[in-house]
């Protein structure tokens, strides 16, 4: 695959993500208008509400960081334990075990 194809594919994915975000924002605005009234946002303490949402987002980011940190440590440990002849992708079942409740 050439860099040009990668650039086009990446640009397509960015545009797709932006369209998805636009649709989701419109949907959420509609849900809020239906639930609370179309102009209810004018009377809401939006700065305080945004601060509350930011706190939630920071917590989600911390939780996600922790999950990625744990997975990375597990992958490093598995990589150190595998034989030099074993190469390539490590299946999730090999990482966590087929019956593990932590399997993704």
PDB file of N, CA and C in Angstrom:
ATOM      1  N   UNK A   1       0.847  -1.167   0.000  1.00  0.00           N
ATOM      2  CA  UNK A   1       0.000   0.000   0.000  1.00  0.00           C
ATOM      3  C   UNK A   1       0.893   1.232   0.000  1.00  0.00           C
ATOM      4  N   UNK A   2       0.588   2.174  -0.843  1.00  0.00           N
ATOM      5  CA  UNK A   2       1.400   3.382  -0.924  1.00  0.00           C
ATOM      6  C   UNK A   2       0.974   4.393   0.121  1.00  0.00           C
ATOM      7  N   UNK A   3       1.854   5.342   0.368  1.00  0.00           N
ATOM      8  CA  UNK A   3       1.529   6.408   1.319  1.00  0.00           C
ATOM      9  C   UNK A   3       0.303   7.187   0.863  1.00  0.00           C
ATOM     10  N   UNK A   4       0.149   7.343  -0.455  1.00  0.00           N
ATOM     11  CA  UNK A   4      -0.990   8.078  -0.987  1.00  0.00           C
ATOM     12  C   UNK A   4      -2.289   7.367  -0.629  1.00  0.00           C
ATOM     13  N   UNK A   5      -2.302   6.034  -0.745  1.00  0.00           N
ATOM     14  CA  UNK A   5      -3.496   5.276  -0.373  1.00  0.00           C
ATOM     15  C   UNK A   5      -3.787   5.378   1.112  1.00  0.00           C
ATOM     16  N   UNK A   6      -2.728   5.318   1.915  1.00  0.00           N
ATOM     17  CA  UNK A   6      -2.894   5.452   3.361  1.00  0.00           C
ATOM     18  C   UNK A   6      -3.458   6.828   3.683  1.00  0.00           C
ATOM     19  N   UNK A   7      -2.917   7.868   3.045  1.00  0.00           N
ATOM     20  CA  UNK A   7      -3.405   9.223   3.271  1.00  0.00           C
ATOM     21  C   UNK A   7      -4.874   9.348   2.887  1.00  0.00           C
ATOM     22  N   UNK A   8      -5.258   8.770   1.740  1.00  0.00           N
ATOM     23  CA  UNK A   8      -6.661   8.814   1.305  1.00  0.00           C
ATOM     24  C   UNK A   8      -7.550   8.058   2.276  1.00  0.00           C
ATOM     25  N   UNK A   9      -7.112   6.866   2.684  1.00  0.00           N
ATOM     26  CA  UNK A   9      -7.893   6.066   3.628  1.00  0.00           C
ATOM     27  C   UNK A   9      -8.038   6.793   4.958  1.00  0.00           C
ATOM     28  N   UNK A  10      -6.959   7.395   5.423  1.00  0.00           N
ATOM     29  CA  UNK A  10      -7.002   8.126   6.681  1.00  0.00           C
ATOM     30  C   UNK A  10      -7.929   9.333   6.559  1.00  0.00           C
ATOM     31  N   UNK A  11      -7.835  10.054   5.467  1.00  0.00           N
ATOM     32  CA  UNK A  11      -8.710  11.213   5.244  1.00  0.00           C
ATOM     33  C   UNK A  11     -10.169  10.777   5.199  1.00  0.00           C
ATOM     34  N   UNK A  12     -10.448   9.654   4.565  1.00  0.00           N
ATOM     35  CA  UNK A  12     -11.813   9.131   4.490  1.00  0.00           C
ATOM     36  C   UNK A  12     -12.330   8.795   5.888  1.00  0.00           C
ATOM     37  N   UNK A  13     -11.476   8.181   6.709  1.00  0.00           N
ATOM     38  CA  UNK A  13     -11.883   7.832   8.068  1.00  0.00           C
ATOM     39  C   UNK A  13     -12.122   9.075   8.920  1.00  0.00           C
ATOM     40  N   UNK A  14     -11.289  10.101   8.757  1.00  0.00           N
ATOM     41  CA  UNK A  14     -11.479  11.351   9.491  1.00  0.00           C
ATOM     42  C   UNK A  14     -12.811  11.988   9.094  1.00  0.00           C
ATOM     43  N   UNK A  15     -13.093  12.024   7.809  1.00  0.00           N
ATOM     44  CA  UNK A  15     -14.353  12.593   7.337  1.00  0.00           C
ATOM     45  C   UNK A  15     -15.542  11.780   7.835  1.00  0.00           C
ATOM     46  N   UNK A  16     -15.409  10.465   7.831  1.00  0.00           N
ATOM     47  CA  UNK A  16     -16.469   9.588   8.343  1.00  0.00           C
ATOM     48  C   UNK A  16     -16.714   9.850   9.828  1.00  0.00           C
ATOM     49  N   UNK A  17     -15.640   9.982  10.587  1.00  0.00           N
ATOM     50  CA  UNK A  17     -15.762  10.256  12.023  1.00  0.00           C
ATOM     51  C   UNK A  17     -16.450  11.595  12.255  1.00  0.00           C
ATOM     52  N   UNK A  18     -16.099  12.604  11.471  1.00  0.00           N
ATOM     53  CA  UNK A  18     -16.726  13.920  11.609  1.00  0.00           C
ATOM     54  C   UNK A  18     -18.208  13.877  11.279  1.00  0.00           C
ATOM     55  N   UNK A  19     -18.582  13.145  10.233  1.00  0.00           N
ATOM     56  CA  UNK A  19     -20.004  13.003   9.885  1.00  0.00           C
ATOM     57  C   UNK A  19     -20.760  12.291  11.004  1.00  0.00           C
ATOM     58  N   UNK A  20     -20.138  11.251  11.544  1.00  0.00           N
ATOM     59  CA  UNK A  20     -20.768  10.508  12.641  1.00  0.00           C
ATOM     60  C   UNK A  20     -20.967  11.429  13.849  1.00  0.00           C
ATOM     61  N   UNK A  21     -19.954  12.220  14.197  1.00  0.00           N
ATOM     62  CA  UNK A  21     -20.057  13.155  15.309  1.00  0.00           C
ATOM     63  C   UNK A  21     -21.163  14.181  15.058  1.00  0.00           C
ATOM     64  N   UNK A  22     -21.224  14.723  13.842  1.00  0.00           N
ATOM     65  CA  UNK A  22     -22.276  15.694  13.500  1.00  0.00           C
ATOM     66  C   UNK A  22     -23.662  15.088  13.695  1.00  0.00           C
ATOM     67  N   UNK A  23     -23.859  13.856  13.211  1.00  0.00           N
ATOM     68  CA  UNK A  23     -25.163  13.194  13.357  1.00  0.00           C
ATOM     69  C   UNK A  23     -25.495  12.963  14.829  1.00  0.00           C
ATOM     70  N   UNK A  24     -24.501  12.561  15.596  1.00  0.00           N
ATOM     71  CA  UNK A  24     -24.711  12.280  17.017  1.00  0.00           C
ATOM     72  C   UNK A  24     -25.041  13.567  17.782  1.00  0.00           C
ATOM     73  N   UNK A  25     -24.386  14.665  17.445  1.00  0.00           N
ATOM     74  CA  UNK A  25     -24.679  15.936  18.103  1.00  0.00           C
ATOM     75  C   UNK A  25     -26.104  16.388  17.797  1.00  0.00           C
ATOM     76  N   UNK A  26     -26.530  16.257  16.561  1.00  0.00           N
ATOM     77  CA  UNK A  26     -27.898  16.621  16.177  1.00  0.00           C
ATOM     78  C   UNK A  26     -28.907  15.726  16.899  1.00  0.00           C
ATOM     79  N   UNK A  27     -28.596  14.431  16.985  1.00  0.00           N
ATOM     80  CA  UNK A  27     -29.488  13.500  17.668  1.00  0.00           C
ATOM     81  C   UNK A  27     -29.623  13.872  19.140  1.00  0.00           C
ATOM     82  N   UNK A  28     -28.479  14.138  19.794  1.00  0.00           N
ATOM     83  CA  UNK A  28     -28.497  14.475  21.214  1.00  0.00           C
ATOM     84  C   UNK A  28     -29.227  15.803  21.464  1.00  0.00           C
ATOM     85  N   UNK A  29     -29.060  16.753  20.568  1.00  0.00           N
ATOM     86  CA  UNK A  29     -29.775  18.023  20.699  1.00  0.00           C
ATOM     87  C   UNK A  29     -31.280  17.780  20.615  1.00  0.00           C
ATOM     88  N   UNK A  30     -31.683  16.910  19.704  1.00  0.00           N
ATOM     89  CA  UNK A  30     -33.103  16.573  19.567  1.00  0.00           C
ATOM     90  C   UNK A  30     -33.654  15.883  20.800  1.00  0.00           C
ATOM     91  N   UNK A  31     -32.882  14.968  21.364  1.00  0.00           N
ATOM     92  CA  UNK A  31     -33.303  14.275  22.589  1.00  0.00           C
ATOM     93  C   UNK A  31     -33.485  15.274  23.719  1.00  0.00           C
ATOM     94  N   UNK A  32     -32.527  16.193  23.874  1.00  0.00           N
ATOM     95  CA  UNK A  32     -32.623  17.214  24.919  1.00  0.00           C
ATOM     96  C   UNK A  32     -33.817  18.127  24.720  1.00  0.00           C
ATOM     97  N   UNK A  33     -34.047  18.545  23.478  1.00  0.00           N
ATOM     98  CA  UNK A  33     -35.185  19.419  23.188  1.00  0.00           C
ATOM     99  C   UNK A  33     -36.499  18.715  23.494  1.00  0.00           C
ATOM    100  N   UNK A  34     -36.577  17.435  23.155  1.00  0.00           N
ATOM    101  CA  UNK A  34     -37.793  16.664  23.412  1.00  0.00           C
ATOM    102  C   UNK A  34     -38.005  16.461  24.915  1.00  0.00           C
ATOM    103  N   UNK A  35     -36.950  16.190  25.614  1.00  0.00           N
ATOM    104  CA  UNK A  35     -37.047  15.885  27.053  1.00  0.00           C
ATOM    105  C   UNK A  35     -37.270  17.147  27.895  1.00  0.00           C
ATOM    106  N   UNK A  36     -36.533  18.224  27.580  1.00  0.00           N
ATOM    107  CA  UNK A  36     -36.539  19.399  28.451  1.00  0.00           C
ATOM    108  C   UNK A  36     -37.184  20.638  27.831  1.00  0.00           C
ATOM    109  N   UNK A  37     -37.441  20.621  26.545  1.00  0.00           N
ATOM    110  CA  UNK A  37     -37.970  21.783  25.844  1.00  0.00           C
ATOM    111  C   UNK A  37     -36.911  22.365  24.930  1.00  0.00           C
ATOM    112  N   UNK A  38     -37.373  22.889  23.813  1.00  0.00           N
ATOM    113  CA  UNK A  38     -36.447  23.327  22.770  1.00  0.00           C
ATOM    114  C   UNK A  38     -35.504  24.447  23.217  1.00  0.00           C
ATOM    115  N   UNK A  39     -35.971  25.333  24.062  1.00  0.00           N
ATOM    116  CA  UNK A  39     -35.134  26.458  24.488  1.00  0.00           C
ATOM    117  C   UNK A  39     -34.707  26.348  25.959  1.00  0.00           C
ATOM    118  N   UNK A  40     -34.836  25.185  26.549  1.00  0.00           N
ATOM    119  CA  UNK A  40     -34.495  25.001  27.963  1.00  0.00           C
ATOM    120  C   UNK A  40     -33.029  25.317  28.249  1.00  0.00           C
ATOM    121  N   UNK A  41     -32.171  25.126  27.257  1.00  0.00           N
ATOM    122  CA  UNK A  41     -30.744  25.383  27.477  1.00  0.00           C
ATOM    123  C   UNK A  41     -30.476  26.828  27.870  1.00  0.00           C
ATOM    124  N   UNK A  42     -31.374  27.748  27.484  1.00  0.00           N
ATOM    125  CA  UNK A  42     -31.165  29.157  27.817  1.00  0.00           C
ATOM    126  C   UNK A  42     -31.249  29.411  29.324  1.00  0.00           C
ATOM    127  N   UNK A  43     -32.014  28.591  30.027  1.00  0.00           N
ATOM    128  CA  UNK A  43     -32.159  28.760  31.461  1.00  0.00           C
ATOM    129  C   UNK A  43     -31.274  27.839  32.276  1.00  0.00           C
ATOM    130  N   UNK A  44     -30.530  26.983  31.614  1.00  0.00           N
ATOM    131  CA  UNK A  44     -29.686  26.015  32.316  1.00  0.00           C
ATOM    132  C   UNK A  44     -28.321  26.612  32.663  1.00  0.00           C
ATOM    133  N   UNK A  45     -27.749  26.156  33.770  1.00  0.00           N
ATOM    134  CA  UNK A  45     -26.391  26.597  34.139  1.00  0.00           C
ATOM    135  C   UNK A  45     -25.363  25.804  33.323  1.00  0.00           C
ATOM    136  N   UNK A  46     -25.220  26.150  32.065  1.00  0.00           N
ATOM    137  CA  UNK A  46     -24.426  25.327  31.140  1.00  0.00           C
ATOM    138  C   UNK A  46     -22.950  25.245  31.522  1.00  0.00           C
ATOM    139  N   UNK A  47     -22.403  26.278  32.143  1.00  0.00           N
ATOM    140  CA  UNK A  47     -20.994  26.198  32.557  1.00  0.00           C
ATOM    141  C   UNK A  47     -20.815  25.133  33.632  1.00  0.00           C
ATOM    142  N   UNK A  48     -21.701  25.129  34.616  1.00  0.00           N
ATOM    143  CA  UNK A  48     -21.619  24.111  35.662  1.00  0.00           C
ATOM    144  C   UNK A  48     -21.881  22.722  35.091  1.00  0.00           C
ATOM    145  N   UNK A  49     -22.844  22.640  34.177  1.00  0.00           N
ATOM    146  CA  UNK A  49     -23.142  21.354  33.536  1.00  0.00           C
ATOM    147  C   UNK A  49     -21.927  20.863  32.748  1.00  0.00           C
ATOM    148  N   UNK A  50     -21.267  21.773  32.037  1.00  0.00           N
ATOM    149  CA  UNK A  50     -20.072  21.402  31.263  1.00  0.00           C
ATOM    150  C   UNK A  50     -18.954  20.948  32.194  1.00  0.00           C
ATOM    151  N   UNK A  51     -18.798  21.623  33.319  1.00  0.00           N
ATOM    152  CA  UNK A  51     -17.769  21.225  34.281  1.00  0.00           C
ATOM    153  C   UNK A  51     -18.038  19.818  34.802  1.00  0.00           C
ATOM    154  N   UNK A  52     -19.303  19.514  35.055  1.00  0.00           N
ATOM    155  CA  UNK A  52     -19.673  18.178  35.507  1.00  0.00           C
ATOM    156  C   UNK A  52     -19.353  17.138  34.430  1.00  0.00           C
ATOM    157  N   UNK A  53     -19.654  17.464  33.173  1.00  0.00           N
ATOM    158  CA  UNK A  53     -19.356  16.546  32.063  1.00  0.00           C
ATOM    159  C   UNK A  53     -17.848  16.366  31.892  1.00  0.00           C
ATOM    160  N   UNK A  54     -17.094  17.450  32.069  1.00  0.00           N
ATOM    161  CA  UNK A  54     -15.634  17.361  31.953  1.00  0.00           C
ATOM    162  C   UNK A  54     -15.076  16.433  33.022  1.00  0.00           C
ATOM    163  N   UNK A  55     -15.635  16.527  34.233  1.00  0.00           N
ATOM    164  CA  UNK A  55     -15.205  15.628  35.299  1.00  0.00           C
ATOM    165  C   UNK A  55     -15.465  14.172  34.912  1.00  0.00           C
ATOM    166  N   UNK A  56     -16.644  13.912  34.356  1.00  0.00           N
ATOM    167  CA  UNK A  56     -16.953  12.551  33.886  1.00  0.00           C
ATOM    168  C   UNK A  56     -15.963  12.119  32.815  1.00  0.00           C
ATOM    169  N   UNK A  57     -15.687  13.007  31.865  1.00  0.00           N
ATOM    170  CA  UNK A  57     -14.763  12.684  30.777  1.00  0.00           C
ATOM    171  C   UNK A  57     -13.370  12.372  31.311  1.00  0.00           C
ATOM    172  N   UNK A  58     -12.909  13.139  32.274  1.00  0.00           N
ATOM    173  CA  UNK A  58     -11.592  12.882  32.862  1.00  0.00           C
ATOM    174  C   UNK A  58     -11.574  11.516  33.526  1.00  0.00           C
ATOM    175  N   UNK A  59     -12.654  11.177  34.229  1.00  0.00           N
ATOM    176  CA  UNK A  59     -12.735   9.842  34.834  1.00  0.00           C
ATOM    177  C   UNK A  59     -12.710   8.752  33.765  1.00  0.00           C
ATOM    178  N   UNK A  60     -13.475   8.933  32.680  1.00  0.00           N
ATOM    179  CA  UNK A  60     -13.470   7.940  31.593  1.00  0.00           C
ATOM    180  C   UNK A  60     -12.068   7.799  31.013  1.00  0.00           C
ATOM    181  N   UNK A  61     -11.380   8.921  30.856  1.00  0.00           N
ATOM    182  CA  UNK A  61     -10.019   8.880  30.315  1.00  0.00           C
ATOM    183  C   UNK A  61      -9.088   8.142  31.272  1.00  0.00           C
ATOM    184  N   UNK A  62      -9.236   8.374  32.569  1.00  0.00           N
ATOM    185  CA  UNK A  62      -8.410   7.685  33.556  1.00  0.00           C
ATOM    186  C   UNK A  62      -8.671   6.179  33.517  1.00  0.00           C
ATOM    187  N   UNK A  63      -9.953   5.808  33.449  1.00  0.00           N
ATOM    188  CA  UNK A  63     -10.299   4.387  33.392  1.00  0.00           C
ATOM    189  C   UNK A  63      -9.738   3.744  32.123  1.00  0.00           C
ATOM    190  N   UNK A  64      -9.864   4.444  31.005  1.00  0.00           N
ATOM    191  CA  UNK A  64      -9.352   3.919  29.739  1.00  0.00           C
ATOM    192  C   UNK A  64      -7.833   3.820  29.773  1.00  0.00           C
ATOM    193  N   UNK A  65      -7.164   4.817  30.329  1.00  0.00           N
ATOM    194  CA  UNK A  65      -5.709   4.764  30.475  1.00  0.00           C
ATOM    195  C   UNK A  65      -5.318   3.532  31.290  1.00  0.00           C
ATOM    196  N   UNK A  66      -6.030   3.303  32.383  1.00  0.00           N
ATOM    197  CA  UNK A  66      -5.725   2.161  33.249  1.00  0.00           C
ATOM    198  C   UNK A  66      -5.893   0.853  32.493  1.00  0.00           C
ATOM    199  N   UNK A  67      -6.969   0.720  31.720  1.00  0.00           N
ATOM    200  CA  UNK A  67      -7.184  -0.500  30.933  1.00  0.00           C
ATOM    201  C   UNK A  67      -6.052  -0.710  29.923  1.00  0.00           C
ATOM    202  N   UNK A  68      -5.681   0.358  29.222  1.00  0.00           N
ATOM    203  CA  UNK A  68      -4.609   0.255  28.230  1.00  0.00           C
ATOM    204  C   UNK A  68      -3.283  -0.066  28.910  1.00  0.00           C
ATOM    205  N   UNK A  69      -3.028   0.542  30.053  1.00  0.00           N
ATOM    206  CA  UNK A  69      -1.802   0.287  30.801  1.00  0.00           C
ATOM    207  C   UNK A  69      -1.710  -1.191  31.179  1.00  0.00           C
ATOM    208  N   UNK A  70      -2.810  -1.733  31.707  1.00  0.00           N
ATOM    209  CA  UNK A  70      -2.837  -3.144  32.110  1.00  0.00           C
ATOM    210  C   UNK A  70      -2.626  -4.053  30.898  1.00  0.00           C
ATOM    211  N   UNK A  71      -3.333  -3.778  29.796  1.00  0.00           N
ATOM    212  CA  UNK A  71      -3.181  -4.607  28.595  1.00  0.00           C
ATOM    213  C   UNK A  71      -1.758  -4.541  28.068  1.00  0.00           C
ATOM    214  N   UNK A  72      -1.157  -3.357  28.082  1.00  0.00           N
ATOM    215  CA  UNK A  72       0.209  -3.205  27.602  1.00  0.00           C
ATOM    216  C   UNK A  72       1.175  -4.009  28.459  1.00  0.00           C
ATOM    217  N   UNK A  73       1.011  -3.949  29.784  1.00  0.00           N
ATOM    218  CA  UNK A  73       1.871  -4.734  30.683  1.00  0.00           C
ATOM    219  C   UNK A  73       1.722  -6.229  30.399  1.00  0.00           C
ATOM    220  N   UNK A  74       0.475  -6.669  30.201  1.00  0.00           N
ATOM    221  CA  UNK A  74       0.237  -8.087  29.932  1.00  0.00           C
ATOM    222  C   UNK A  74       0.878  -8.500  28.609  1.00  0.00           C
ATOM    223  N   UNK A  75       0.751  -7.648  27.598  1.00  0.00           N
ATOM    224  CA  UNK A  75       1.360  -7.958  26.303  1.00  0.00           C
ATOM    225  C   UNK A  75       2.880  -8.026  26.406  1.00  0.00           C
ATOM    226  N   UNK A  76       3.474  -7.104  27.153  1.00  0.00           N
ATOM    227  CA  UNK A  76       4.930  -7.120  27.337  1.00  0.00           C
ATOM    228  C   UNK A  76       5.366  -8.394  28.036  1.00  0.00           C
ATOM    229  N   UNK A  77       4.636  -8.773  29.085  1.00  0.00           N
ATOM    230  CA  UNK A  77       4.974 -10.000  29.805  1.00  0.00           C
ATOM    231  C   UNK A  77       4.831 -11.227  28.909  1.00  0.00           C
ATOM    232  N   UNK A  78       3.759 -11.273  28.128  1.00  0.00           N
ATOM    233  CA  UNK A  78       3.577 -12.404  27.215  1.00  0.00           C
ATOM    234  C   UNK A  78       4.682 -12.446  26.169  1.00  0.00           C
ATOM    235  N   UNK A  79       5.062 -11.281  25.680  1.00  0.00           N
ATOM    236  CA  UNK A  79       6.112 -11.215  24.671  1.00  0.00           C
ATOM    237  C   UNK A  79       7.439 -11.715  25.239  1.00  0.00           C
ATOM    238  N   UNK A  80       7.708 -11.413  26.496  1.00  0.00           N
ATOM    239  CA  UNK A  80       8.937 -11.880  27.136  1.00  0.00           C
ATOM    240  C   UNK A  80       8.913 -13.390  27.357  1.00  0.00           C
ATOM    241  N   UNK A  81       7.718 -13.962  27.536  1.00  0.00           N
ATOM    242  CA  UNK A  81       7.588 -15.386  27.833  1.00  0.00           C
ATOM    243  C   UNK A  81       7.530 -16.256  26.583  1.00  0.00           C
ATOM    244  N   UNK A  82       7.137 -15.688  25.447  1.00  0.00           N
ATOM    245  CA  UNK A  82       6.967 -16.519  24.258  1.00  0.00           C
ATOM    246  C   UNK A  82       8.312 -16.891  23.659  1.00  0.00           C
ATOM    247  N   UNK A  83       8.306 -17.973  22.933  1.00  0.00           N
ATOM    248  CA  UNK A  83       9.550 -18.451  22.333  1.00  0.00           C
ATOM    249  C   UNK A  83       9.954 -17.539  21.183  1.00  0.00           C
ATOM    250  N   UNK A  84      11.246 -17.458  20.896  1.00  0.00           N
ATOM    251  CA  UNK A  84      11.704 -16.609  19.788  1.00  0.00           C
ATOM    252  C   UNK A  84      11.145 -17.062  18.436  1.00  0.00           C
ATOM    253  N   UNK A  85      10.703 -18.312  18.351  1.00  0.00           N
ATOM    254  CA  UNK A  85      10.165 -18.818  17.092  1.00  0.00           C
ATOM    255  C   UNK A  85       8.723 -18.363  16.864  1.00  0.00           C
ATOM    256  N   UNK A  86       8.041 -18.014  17.963  1.00  0.00           N
ATOM    257  CA  UNK A  86       6.665 -17.551  17.843  1.00  0.00           C
ATOM    258  C   UNK A  86       6.705 -16.105  17.384  1.00  0.00           C
ATOM    259  N   UNK A  87       5.951 -15.792  16.340  1.00  0.00           N
ATOM    260  CA  UNK A  87       6.004 -14.451  15.791  1.00  0.00           C
ATOM    261  C   UNK A  87       4.599 -14.018  15.403  1.00  0.00           C
ATOM    262  N   UNK A  88       4.367 -12.723  15.375  1.00  0.00           N
ATOM    263  CA  UNK A  88       3.127 -12.192  14.852  1.00  0.00           C
ATOM    264  C   UNK A  88       2.073 -11.923  15.899  1.00  0.00           C
ATOM    265  N   UNK A  89       0.835 -11.933  15.443  1.00  0.00           N
ATOM    266  CA  UNK A  89      -0.336 -11.566  16.225  1.00  0.00           C
ATOM    267  C   UNK A  89      -0.575 -12.535  17.372  1.00  0.00           C
ATOM    268  N   UNK A  90      -0.929 -12.000  18.534  1.00  0.00           N
ATOM    269  CA  UNK A  90      -1.308 -12.821  19.678  1.00  0.00           C
ATOM    270  C   UNK A  90      -2.821 -12.719  19.814  1.00  0.00           C
ATOM    271  N   UNK A  91      -3.511 -13.832  19.673  1.00  0.00           N
ATOM    272  CA  UNK A  91      -4.966 -13.840  19.773  1.00  0.00           C
ATOM    273  C   UNK A  91      -5.401 -13.516  21.195  1.00  0.00           C
ATOM    274  N   UNK A  92      -6.557 -12.862  21.321  1.00  0.00           N
ATOM    275  CA  UNK A  92      -7.073 -12.499  22.633  1.00  0.00           C
ATOM    276  C   UNK A  92      -7.246 -13.716  23.516  1.00  0.00           C
ATOM    277  N   UNK A  93      -7.694 -14.836  22.935  1.00  0.00           N
ATOM    278  CA  UNK A  93      -7.889 -16.055  23.730  1.00  0.00           C
ATOM    279  C   UNK A  93      -6.569 -16.537  24.312  1.00  0.00           C
ATOM    280  N   UNK A  94      -5.463 -16.307  23.591  1.00  0.00           N
ATOM    281  CA  UNK A  94      -4.150 -16.686  24.103  1.00  0.00           C
ATOM    282  C   UNK A  94      -3.670 -15.726  25.188  1.00  0.00           C
ATOM    283  N   UNK A  95      -4.143 -14.485  25.093  1.00  0.00           N
ATOM    284  CA  UNK A  95      -3.739 -13.483  26.065  1.00  0.00           C
ATOM    285  C   UNK A  95      -4.464 -13.681  27.388  1.00  0.00           C
ATOM    286  N   UNK A  96      -5.781 -13.895  27.334  1.00  0.00           N
ATOM    287  CA  UNK A  96      -6.585 -13.976  28.548  1.00  0.00           C
ATOM    288  C   UNK A  96      -7.062 -15.386  28.866  1.00  0.00           C
ATOM    289  N   UNK A  97      -7.024 -16.285  27.898  1.00  0.00           N
ATOM    290  CA  UNK A  97      -7.584 -17.615  28.099  1.00  0.00           C
ATOM    291  C   UNK A  97      -9.011 -17.643  27.582  1.00  0.00           C
ATOM    292  N   UNK A  98      -9.407 -18.754  27.003  1.00  0.00           N
ATOM    293  CA  UNK A  98     -10.705 -18.861  26.344  1.00  0.00           C
ATOM    294  C   UNK A  98     -11.866 -18.625  27.293  1.00  0.00           C
ATOM    295  N   UNK A  99     -11.745 -18.978  28.574  1.00  0.00           N
ATOM    296  CA  UNK A  99     -12.857 -18.878  29.515  1.00  0.00           C
ATOM    297  C   UNK A  99     -12.750 -17.668  30.451  1.00  0.00           C
ATOM    298  N   UNK A 100     -11.794 -16.801  30.207  1.00  0.00           N
ATOM    299  CA  UNK A 100     -11.589 -15.671  31.098  1.00  0.00           C
ATOM    300  C   UNK A 100     -12.738 -14.671  31.011  1.00  0.00           C
ATOM    301  N   UNK A 101     -13.224 -14.164  32.140  1.00  0.00           N
ATOM    302  CA  UNK A 101     -14.256 -13.129  32.106  1.00  0.00           C
ATOM    303  C   UNK A 101     -13.718 -11.804  31.590  1.00  0.00           C
ATOM    304  N   UNK A 102     -12.397 -11.657  31.523  1.00  0.00           N
ATOM    305  CA  UNK A 102     -11.782 -10.414  31.042  1.00  0.00           C
ATOM    306  C   UNK A 102     -11.520 -10.453  29.539  1.00  0.00           C
ATOM    307  N   UNK A 103     -11.994 -11.476  28.878  1.00  0.00           N
ATOM    308  CA  UNK A 103     -11.783 -11.597  27.438  1.00  0.00           C
ATOM    309  C   UNK A 103     -12.579 -10.543  26.707  1.00  0.00           C
ATOM    310  N   UNK A 104     -11.998  -9.916  25.709  1.00  0.00           N
ATOM    311  CA  UNK A 104     -12.655  -8.846  24.956  1.00  0.00           C
ATOM    312  C   UNK A 104     -13.263  -9.377  23.704  1.00  0.00           C
TER     313      UNK A 104
END
